Amino acid sequence: MPIYEFKCNQCEKNFETLVMGSMTPECPDCNSEDLSRLLSACGFISKSSGPGGEVQTTTSAGSACGSCPSTNCSSCSVG
């Protein structure tokens, strides 16, 4: 699902919201539609069996989980 991060240009709140189709998102605090879309970091963890059956874990470089200033990461449930 398309979840995007925004910053409200009126009250400066950062938030995430689901945006579908031509829907116009609004700030959950002040209801303003004057928003800036933020660039979201994408993080993932991939686990697979390696040679000999051991589990190998791979994470994305620059994952949001290690360096993201956000306090709410709905994509990986950290926060």
C-alpha atoms as a PDB file:
ATOM      1  CA  MET A   1       0.000   0.000   0.000  1.00  0.00           C
ATOM      2  CA  PRO A   2       1.251   3.505  -0.764  1.00  0.00           C
ATOM      3  CA  ILE A   3       2.168   5.022   2.599  1.00  0.00           C
ATOM      4  CA  TYR A   4       3.960   8.360   2.254  1.00  0.00           C
ATOM      5  CA  GLU A   5       5.710  10.678   4.703  1.00  0.00           C
ATOM      6  CA  PHE A   6       4.773  14.356   4.729  1.00  0.00           C
ATOM      7  CA  LYS A   7       5.703  17.550   6.555  1.00  0.00           C
ATOM      8  CA  CYS A   8       2.975  20.116   7.127  1.00  0.00           C
ATOM      9  CA  ASN A   9       4.122  23.540   5.954  1.00  0.00           C
ATOM     10  CA  GLN A  10       1.765  25.275   8.417  1.00  0.00           C
ATOM     11  CA  CYS A  11       2.331  23.502  11.761  1.00  0.00           C
ATOM     12  CA  GLU A  12       5.578  21.670  10.755  1.00  0.00           C
ATOM     13  CA  LYS A  13       4.324  18.259  11.961  1.00  0.00           C
ATOM     14  CA  ASN A  14       5.860  15.195  10.274  1.00  0.00           C
ATOM     15  CA  PHE A  15       3.450  12.311   9.675  1.00  0.00           C
ATOM     16  CA  GLU A  16       2.771   9.250   7.529  1.00  0.00           C
ATOM     17  CA  THR A  17      -0.479   8.577   5.724  1.00  0.00           C
ATOM     18  CA  LEU A  18      -1.987   6.176   3.206  1.00  0.00           C
ATOM     19  CA  VAL A  19      -2.608   7.919  -0.135  1.00  0.00           C
ATOM     20  CA  MET A  20      -4.782   6.192  -2.701  1.00  0.00           C
ATOM     21  CA  GLY A  21      -5.511   7.394  -6.252  1.00  0.00           C
ATOM     22  CA  SER A  22      -6.098  11.116  -6.587  1.00  0.00           C
ATOM     23  CA  MET A  23      -6.707  11.561  -2.848  1.00  0.00           C
ATOM     24  CA  THR A  24      -5.341  14.823  -1.404  1.00  0.00           C
ATOM     25  CA  PRO A  25      -3.768  14.186   2.017  1.00  0.00           C
ATOM     26  CA  GLU A  26      -4.141  16.632   4.881  1.00  0.00           C
ATOM     27  CA  CYS A  27      -2.331  17.219   8.159  1.00  0.00           C
ATOM     28  CA  PRO A  28      -3.884  15.225  11.023  1.00  0.00           C
ATOM     29  CA  ASP A  29      -3.225  18.109  13.456  1.00  0.00           C
ATOM     30  CA  CYS A  30      -4.324  21.259  11.602  1.00  0.00           C
ATOM     31  CA  ASN A  31      -6.135  19.792   8.525  1.00  0.00           C
ATOM     32  CA  SER A  32      -3.959  21.831   6.163  1.00  0.00           C
ATOM     33  CA  GLU A  33      -3.354  20.514   2.636  1.00  0.00           C
ATOM     34  CA  ASP A  34      -0.156  22.614   2.358  1.00  0.00           C
ATOM     35  CA  LEU A  35       2.254  19.663   2.641  1.00  0.00           C
ATOM     36  CA  SER A  36       5.715  18.699   1.459  1.00  0.00           C
ATOM     37  CA  ARG A  37       6.300  15.038   0.658  1.00  0.00           C
ATOM     38  CA  LEU A  38       9.431  13.684   2.341  1.00  0.00           C
ATOM     39  CA  LEU A  39      11.868  11.188   0.882  1.00  0.00           C
ATOM     40  CA  SER A  40      11.486   7.940   2.812  1.00  0.00           C
ATOM     41  CA  ALA A  41      14.377   5.595   3.442  1.00  0.00           C
ATOM     42  CA  CYS A  42      13.652   2.026   2.471  1.00  0.00           C
ATOM     43  CA  GLY A  43      14.877  -0.751   4.731  1.00  0.00           C
ATOM     44  CA  PHE A  44      14.582  -4.498   4.447  1.00  0.00           C
ATOM     45  CA  ILE A  45      15.881  -7.711   5.932  1.00  0.00           C
ATOM     46  CA  SER A  46      16.319 -10.783   3.778  1.00  0.00           C
ATOM     47  CA  LYS A  47      16.891 -14.165   5.414  1.00  0.00           C
ATOM     48  CA  SER A  48      17.861 -17.189   3.364  1.00  0.00           C
ATOM     49  CA  SER A  49      19.618 -20.494   3.763  1.00  0.00           C
ATOM     50  CA  GLY A  50      23.248 -20.313   2.734  1.00  0.00           C
ATOM     51  CA  PRO A  51      25.636 -23.059   1.801  1.00  0.00           C
ATOM     52  CA  GLY A  52      25.539 -25.779   4.462  1.00  0.00           C
ATOM     53  CA  GLY A  53      22.065 -24.708   5.656  1.00  0.00           C
ATOM     54  CA  GLU A  54      23.132 -21.779   7.890  1.00  0.00           C
ATOM     55  CA  VAL A  55      20.857 -18.727   7.914  1.00  0.00           C
ATOM     56  CA  GLN A  56      22.275 -15.655   6.208  1.00  0.00           C
ATOM     57  CA  THR A  57      20.833 -12.227   6.993  1.00  0.00           C
ATOM     58  CA  THR A  58      21.195  -9.293   4.625  1.00  0.00           C
ATOM     59  CA  THR A  59      20.078  -5.743   5.401  1.00  0.00           C
ATOM     60  CA  SER A  60      19.854  -2.750   3.126  1.00  0.00           C
ATOM     61  CA  ALA A  61      22.612  -0.147   3.294  1.00  0.00           C
ATOM     62  CA  GLY A  62      21.464   3.003   5.064  1.00  0.00           C
ATOM     63  CA  SER A  63      18.374   1.331   6.479  1.00  0.00           C
ATOM     64  CA  ALA A  64      15.931   3.651   8.194  1.00  0.00           C
ATOM     65  CA  CYS A  65      16.173   1.496  11.312  1.00  0.00           C
ATOM     66  CA  GLY A  66      19.743   2.575  12.056  1.00  0.00           C
ATOM     67  CA  SER A  67      19.855   6.210  11.068  1.00  0.00           C
ATOM     68  CA  CYS A  68      16.310   7.497  10.533  1.00  0.00           C
ATOM     69  CA  PRO A  69      15.350  10.542  12.622  1.00  0.00           C
ATOM     70  CA  SER A  70      11.682   9.490  12.503  1.00  0.00           C
ATOM     71  CA  THR A  71      10.080   8.152  15.679  1.00  0.00           C
ATOM     72  CA  ASN A  72       7.503   6.123  13.754  1.00  0.00           C
ATOM     73  CA  CYS A  73       8.532   3.627  11.101  1.00  0.00           C
ATOM     74  CA  SER A  74       5.381   1.837   9.994  1.00  0.00           C
ATOM     75  CA  SER A  75       7.234  -0.125   7.309  1.00  0.00           C
ATOM     76  CA  CYS A  76       9.247  -2.153   9.835  1.00  0.00           C
ATOM     77  CA  SER A  77       7.435  -1.474  13.133  1.00  0.00           C
ATOM     78  CA  VAL A  78      10.412   0.231  14.801  1.00  0.00           C
ATOM     79  CA  GLY A  79       9.658   3.165  17.042  1.00  0.00           C
END
